[in-house]
Amino acid sequence: MAGNFTHINESFICENCGVEVPPASSGCRNHCPKCLTSKHVDVNPGDRANRCQGLLKATGYELDSKKGIVLIFTCSKCGARTRNKANHEDPVSPDDYSKILTLSTPAP
C-alpha cells in the first residue's frame, strides 16, 4: 500500500558494525551496505512505530522482475521476516555485492 509508506532517507550509524552509512542516492536506505544489517523499527515503511528495535540480519535474497535483488531479513530479537530492495548499484555507497552472493536463495 503506497499510502502506508513514509519516505525517510537519512544517514545512520550501523548498530552491528559501527560504519557510518550515508543516505542512498535514490530511494530509501534501510540497511548497512557493509554488513547488510538493518534495524526493526517500522511497522509500515518509514513509520518508526515498531517497539521491537532488534537487529535485522540479511539471511537470504530473491530476484524480483521489477525490483531486482531483494534482501530477506530476519529479526534477531522477535524472529520477524522483512524484505527490502538491495542497493548494490548505488554510486555513493553500494551494498557489498560479494556479501549478497554469500546469502542463501529460496528453492525454485
N, C-alpha and C. Protein backbone atom coordinates (compact mmCIF):
# COMPACT_ATOMS: atom_id res chain seq x y z
N MET A 1 0.83 -1.19 0.00
CA MET A 1 0.00 0.00 0.00
C MET A 1 0.87 1.25 0.00
N ALA A 2 0.74 2.04 -1.03
CA ALA A 2 1.56 3.23 -1.15
C ALA A 2 1.23 4.25 -0.06
N GLY A 3 0.00 4.27 0.43
CA GLY A 3 -0.40 5.21 1.45
C GLY A 3 0.26 4.97 2.80
N ASN A 4 0.81 3.78 3.01
CA ASN A 4 1.44 3.45 4.28
C ASN A 4 2.96 3.58 4.23
N PHE A 5 3.48 4.33 3.27
CA PHE A 5 4.92 4.46 3.11
C PHE A 5 5.34 5.89 3.43
N THR A 6 6.27 6.03 4.38
CA THR A 6 6.84 7.33 4.70
C THR A 6 8.28 7.34 4.20
N HIS A 7 8.60 8.25 3.28
CA HIS A 7 9.93 8.32 2.68
C HIS A 7 10.93 8.91 3.68
N ILE A 8 11.86 8.06 4.15
CA ILE A 8 12.94 8.51 5.03
C ILE A 8 14.25 7.99 4.44
N ASN A 9 15.15 8.90 4.08
CA ASN A 9 16.43 8.52 3.51
C ASN A 9 17.49 9.38 4.19
N GLU A 10 17.96 8.91 5.34
CA GLU A 10 18.90 9.69 6.12
C GLU A 10 20.10 8.84 6.51
N SER A 11 21.18 9.48 6.90
CA SER A 11 22.37 8.74 7.33
C SER A 11 22.12 8.13 8.72
N PHE A 12 22.90 7.09 9.04
CA PHE A 12 22.81 6.46 10.36
C PHE A 12 24.10 5.70 10.63
N ILE A 13 24.32 5.35 11.88
CA ILE A 13 25.45 4.53 12.28
C ILE A 13 24.93 3.10 12.44
N CYS A 14 25.56 2.15 11.76
CA CYS A 14 25.13 0.76 11.85
C CYS A 14 25.38 0.24 13.26
N GLU A 15 24.33 -0.27 13.89
CA GLU A 15 24.46 -0.80 15.25
C GLU A 15 25.16 -2.16 15.29
N ASN A 16 25.35 -2.78 14.13
CA ASN A 16 26.04 -4.07 14.08
C ASN A 16 27.55 -3.89 13.90
N CYS A 17 27.96 -3.10 12.91
CA CYS A 17 29.40 -2.99 12.61
C CYS A 17 29.99 -1.61 12.86
N GLY A 18 29.15 -0.60 13.16
CA GLY A 18 29.63 0.73 13.50
C GLY A 18 29.96 1.64 12.34
N VAL A 19 29.76 1.20 11.11
CA VAL A 19 30.08 2.05 9.96
C VAL A 19 29.04 3.18 9.85
N GLU A 20 29.50 4.35 9.40
CA GLU A 20 28.60 5.47 9.15
C GLU A 20 28.01 5.30 7.75
N VAL A 21 26.70 5.17 7.67
CA VAL A 21 26.01 4.89 6.42
C VAL A 21 25.37 6.17 5.89
N PRO A 22 25.76 6.61 4.68
CA PRO A 22 25.15 7.80 4.10
C PRO A 22 23.78 7.46 3.50
N PRO A 23 22.96 8.47 3.22
CA PRO A 23 21.69 8.22 2.53
C PRO A 23 21.95 7.59 1.16
N ALA A 24 20.98 6.86 0.66
CA ALA A 24 21.09 6.30 -0.69
C ALA A 24 20.97 7.42 -1.70
N SER A 25 21.57 7.25 -2.87
CA SER A 25 21.48 8.29 -3.90
C SER A 25 20.08 8.34 -4.52
N SER A 26 19.34 7.24 -4.42
CA SER A 26 17.94 7.22 -4.85
C SER A 26 17.20 6.21 -3.98
N GLY A 27 15.93 6.42 -3.79
CA GLY A 27 15.15 5.52 -2.93
C GLY A 27 15.42 5.78 -1.47
N CYS A 28 15.23 4.76 -0.65
CA CYS A 28 15.44 4.86 0.79
C CYS A 28 16.38 3.76 1.24
N ARG A 29 17.40 4.11 2.00
CA ARG A 29 18.31 3.10 2.53
C ARG A 29 17.85 2.73 3.93
N ASN A 30 17.72 1.42 4.16
CA ASN A 30 17.32 0.97 5.50
C ASN A 30 18.29 -0.03 6.09
N HIS A 31 19.40 -0.30 5.39
CA HIS A 31 20.35 -1.28 5.89
C HIS A 31 21.78 -0.85 5.58
N CYS A 32 22.70 -1.42 6.32
CA CYS A 32 24.12 -1.12 6.16
C CYS A 32 24.65 -1.77 4.89
N PRO A 33 25.36 -1.01 4.04
CA PRO A 33 25.89 -1.59 2.82
C PRO A 33 27.09 -2.52 3.07
N LYS A 34 27.72 -2.40 4.22
CA LYS A 34 28.88 -3.22 4.53
C LYS A 34 28.48 -4.60 5.07
N CYS A 35 27.63 -4.63 6.11
CA CYS A 35 27.28 -5.91 6.74
C CYS A 35 25.85 -6.36 6.45
N LEU A 36 25.10 -5.55 5.71
CA LEU A 36 23.71 -5.86 5.32
C LEU A 36 22.80 -6.08 6.52
N THR A 37 23.00 -5.27 7.56
CA THR A 37 22.16 -5.35 8.76
C THR A 37 21.25 -4.12 8.82
N SER A 38 20.03 -4.33 9.26
CA SER A 38 19.05 -3.26 9.41
C SER A 38 18.57 -3.27 10.85
N LYS A 39 17.60 -2.43 11.16
CA LYS A 39 17.04 -2.40 12.50
C LYS A 39 15.52 -2.48 12.39
N HIS A 40 14.91 -3.26 13.24
CA HIS A 40 13.47 -3.50 13.20
C HIS A 40 12.73 -2.32 13.86
N VAL A 41 12.56 -1.25 13.10
CA VAL A 41 11.97 -0.03 13.64
C VAL A 41 10.60 0.31 13.06
N ASP A 42 10.23 -0.28 11.94
CA ASP A 42 8.99 0.10 11.26
C ASP A 42 7.93 -1.00 11.31
N VAL A 43 6.67 -0.56 11.43
CA VAL A 43 5.53 -1.44 11.20
C VAL A 43 5.19 -1.32 9.71
N ASN A 44 5.00 -0.09 9.25
CA ASN A 44 4.87 0.23 7.83
C ASN A 44 6.11 1.04 7.47
N PRO A 45 6.62 0.90 6.24
CA PRO A 45 7.87 1.55 5.87
C PRO A 45 7.94 3.03 6.26
N GLY A 46 8.94 3.36 7.07
CA GLY A 46 9.20 4.74 7.47
C GLY A 46 8.44 5.25 8.66
N ASP A 47 7.55 4.45 9.27
CA ASP A 47 6.73 4.99 10.36
C ASP A 47 7.42 4.99 11.73
N ARG A 48 8.50 4.23 11.89
CA ARG A 48 9.27 4.12 13.13
C ARG A 48 8.39 3.76 14.33
N ALA A 49 7.35 2.94 14.08
CA ALA A 49 6.37 2.60 15.12
C ALA A 49 6.58 1.21 15.74
N ASN A 50 7.62 0.49 15.35
CA ASN A 50 7.82 -0.85 15.89
C ASN A 50 8.61 -0.79 17.19
N ARG A 51 8.09 -1.41 18.23
CA ARG A 51 8.75 -1.39 19.54
C ARG A 51 9.88 -2.41 19.65
N CYS A 52 9.97 -3.34 18.73
CA CYS A 52 10.95 -4.43 18.81
C CYS A 52 12.38 -3.89 18.91
N GLN A 53 12.80 -3.09 17.93
CA GLN A 53 14.13 -2.47 17.88
C GLN A 53 15.28 -3.49 17.75
N GLY A 54 14.97 -4.75 17.41
CA GLY A 54 16.01 -5.76 17.22
C GLY A 54 16.78 -5.53 15.93
N LEU A 55 17.93 -6.19 15.80
CA LEU A 55 18.71 -6.10 14.57
C LEU A 55 18.15 -7.09 13.56
N LEU A 56 17.98 -6.61 12.33
CA LEU A 56 17.52 -7.43 11.23
C LEU A 56 18.74 -7.87 10.43
N LYS A 57 19.02 -9.16 10.43
CA LYS A 57 20.17 -9.71 9.72
C LYS A 57 19.72 -10.21 8.35
N ALA A 58 20.48 -9.88 7.31
CA ALA A 58 20.18 -10.40 5.98
C ALA A 58 20.44 -11.90 5.99
N THR A 59 19.41 -12.68 5.67
CA THR A 59 19.53 -14.13 5.72
C THR A 59 19.35 -14.77 4.35
N GLY A 60 18.98 -13.98 3.36
CA GLY A 60 18.79 -14.51 2.02
C GLY A 60 18.46 -13.40 1.05
N TYR A 61 18.26 -13.79 -0.19
CA TYR A 61 17.82 -12.83 -1.20
C TYR A 61 17.00 -13.56 -2.24
N GLU A 62 16.22 -12.77 -2.97
CA GLU A 62 15.46 -13.32 -4.09
C GLU A 62 15.51 -12.32 -5.22
N LEU A 63 15.24 -12.78 -6.41
CA LEU A 63 15.23 -11.91 -7.58
C LEU A 63 13.80 -11.56 -7.92
N ASP A 64 13.54 -10.27 -8.06
CA ASP A 64 12.22 -9.77 -8.40
C ASP A 64 12.31 -9.15 -9.79
N SER A 65 11.37 -9.46 -10.65
CA SER A 65 11.42 -8.97 -12.03
C SER A 65 11.36 -7.44 -12.13
N LYS A 66 10.78 -6.78 -11.15
CA LYS A 66 10.69 -5.32 -11.17
C LYS A 66 11.74 -4.64 -10.29
N LYS A 67 12.00 -5.21 -9.10
CA LYS A 67 12.90 -4.57 -8.13
C LYS A 67 14.35 -5.06 -8.22
N GLY A 68 14.59 -6.15 -8.90
CA GLY A 68 15.94 -6.72 -8.95
C GLY A 68 16.20 -7.58 -7.73
N ILE A 69 17.35 -7.39 -7.09
CA ILE A 69 17.70 -8.18 -5.91
C ILE A 69 16.96 -7.63 -4.70
N VAL A 70 16.24 -8.50 -4.01
CA VAL A 70 15.52 -8.13 -2.80
C VAL A 70 16.11 -8.94 -1.65
N LEU A 71 16.61 -8.24 -0.63
CA LEU A 71 17.19 -8.89 0.53
C LEU A 71 16.09 -9.35 1.48
N ILE A 72 16.29 -10.49 2.09
CA ILE A 72 15.37 -11.03 3.09
C ILE A 72 16.07 -10.92 4.44
N PHE A 73 15.40 -10.29 5.39
CA PHE A 73 15.96 -10.06 6.72
C PHE A 73 15.18 -10.86 7.76
N THR A 74 15.88 -11.33 8.79
CA THR A 74 15.25 -11.99 9.93
C THR A 74 15.66 -11.25 11.19
N CYS A 75 14.69 -10.88 12.01
CA CYS A 75 14.96 -10.14 13.24
C CYS A 75 15.59 -11.06 14.29
N SER A 76 16.71 -10.63 14.85
CA SER A 76 17.42 -11.43 15.86
C SER A 76 16.70 -11.40 17.21
N LYS A 77 15.73 -10.52 17.37
CA LYS A 77 15.01 -10.40 18.64
C LYS A 77 13.66 -11.11 18.61
N CYS A 78 12.84 -10.82 17.60
CA CYS A 78 11.47 -11.37 17.57
C CYS A 78 11.27 -12.42 16.48
N GLY A 79 12.23 -12.58 15.57
CA GLY A 79 12.12 -13.59 14.53
C GLY A 79 11.33 -13.18 13.30
N ALA A 80 10.80 -11.95 13.26
CA ALA A 80 10.03 -11.49 12.10
C ALA A 80 10.91 -11.48 10.85
N ARG A 81 10.27 -11.67 9.70
CA ARG A 81 10.98 -11.60 8.43
C ARG A 81 10.48 -10.40 7.65
N THR A 82 11.43 -9.66 7.07
CA THR A 82 11.10 -8.50 6.26
C THR A 82 11.90 -8.57 4.96
N ARG A 83 11.55 -7.72 4.02
CA ARG A 83 12.24 -7.67 2.72
C ARG A 83 12.54 -6.21 2.37
N ASN A 84 13.65 -6.01 1.65
CA ASN A 84 13.97 -4.67 1.16
C ASN A 84 14.88 -4.79 -0.06
N LYS A 85 14.68 -3.89 -1.00
CA LYS A 85 15.48 -3.87 -2.22
C LYS A 85 16.95 -3.64 -1.89
N ALA A 86 17.82 -4.39 -2.53
CA ALA A 86 19.27 -4.20 -2.37
C ALA A 86 19.69 -2.91 -3.07
N ASN A 87 20.73 -2.27 -2.55
CA ASN A 87 21.27 -1.04 -3.15
C ASN A 87 22.68 -1.29 -3.70
N HIS A 88 22.87 -2.43 -4.34
CA HIS A 88 24.20 -2.80 -4.82
C HIS A 88 24.70 -1.95 -5.99
N GLU A 89 23.82 -1.16 -6.60
CA GLU A 89 24.23 -0.30 -7.71
C GLU A 89 24.28 1.17 -7.31
N ASP A 90 24.13 1.48 -6.04
CA ASP A 90 24.19 2.86 -5.56
C ASP A 90 25.60 3.41 -5.84
N PRO A 91 25.72 4.55 -6.54
CA PRO A 91 27.05 5.08 -6.86
C PRO A 91 27.81 5.65 -5.66
N VAL A 92 27.13 6.01 -4.59
CA VAL A 92 27.78 6.61 -3.43
C VAL A 92 28.23 5.55 -2.42
N SER A 93 27.33 4.66 -2.06
CA SER A 93 27.62 3.65 -1.05
C SER A 93 26.90 2.35 -1.38
N PRO A 94 27.42 1.59 -2.35
CA PRO A 94 26.72 0.37 -2.78
C PRO A 94 26.80 -0.75 -1.76
N ASP A 95 25.75 -1.57 -1.73
CA ASP A 95 25.78 -2.78 -0.91
C ASP A 95 26.91 -3.67 -1.38
N ASP A 96 27.52 -4.38 -0.44
CA ASP A 96 28.61 -5.31 -0.75
C ASP A 96 28.04 -6.49 -1.54
N TYR A 97 28.24 -6.45 -2.86
CA TYR A 97 27.66 -7.46 -3.74
C TYR A 97 28.18 -8.85 -3.43
N SER A 98 29.45 -8.97 -3.09
CA SER A 98 30.00 -10.29 -2.76
C SER A 98 29.35 -10.85 -1.49
N LYS A 99 29.00 -9.96 -0.56
CA LYS A 99 28.30 -10.40 0.66
C LYS A 99 26.89 -10.87 0.32
N ILE A 100 26.22 -10.16 -0.59
CA ILE A 100 24.88 -10.58 -1.02
C ILE A 100 24.93 -11.99 -1.60
N LEU A 101 25.96 -12.26 -2.41
CA LEU A 101 26.06 -13.57 -3.06
C LEU A 101 26.32 -14.72 -2.08
N THR A 102 26.79 -14.40 -0.86
CA THR A 102 27.00 -15.45 0.13
C THR A 102 25.70 -15.85 0.83
N LEU A 103 24.64 -15.05 0.67
CA LEU A 103 23.36 -15.34 1.30
C LEU A 103 22.65 -16.45 0.55
N SER A 104 21.76 -17.16 1.21
CA SER A 104 21.03 -18.23 0.56
C SER A 104 19.90 -17.68 -0.29
N THR A 105 19.50 -18.44 -1.26
CA THR A 105 18.35 -18.08 -2.09
C THR A 105 17.28 -19.15 -1.90
N PRO A 106 16.02 -18.76 -2.00
CA PRO A 106 14.96 -19.74 -1.82
C PRO A 106 14.97 -20.78 -2.95
N ALA A 107 14.53 -21.97 -2.66
CA ALA A 107 14.46 -23.02 -3.66
C ALA A 107 13.42 -22.65 -4.73
N PRO A 108 13.69 -22.97 -5.99
CA PRO A 108 12.72 -22.62 -7.07
C PRO A 108 11.42 -23.40 -6.95
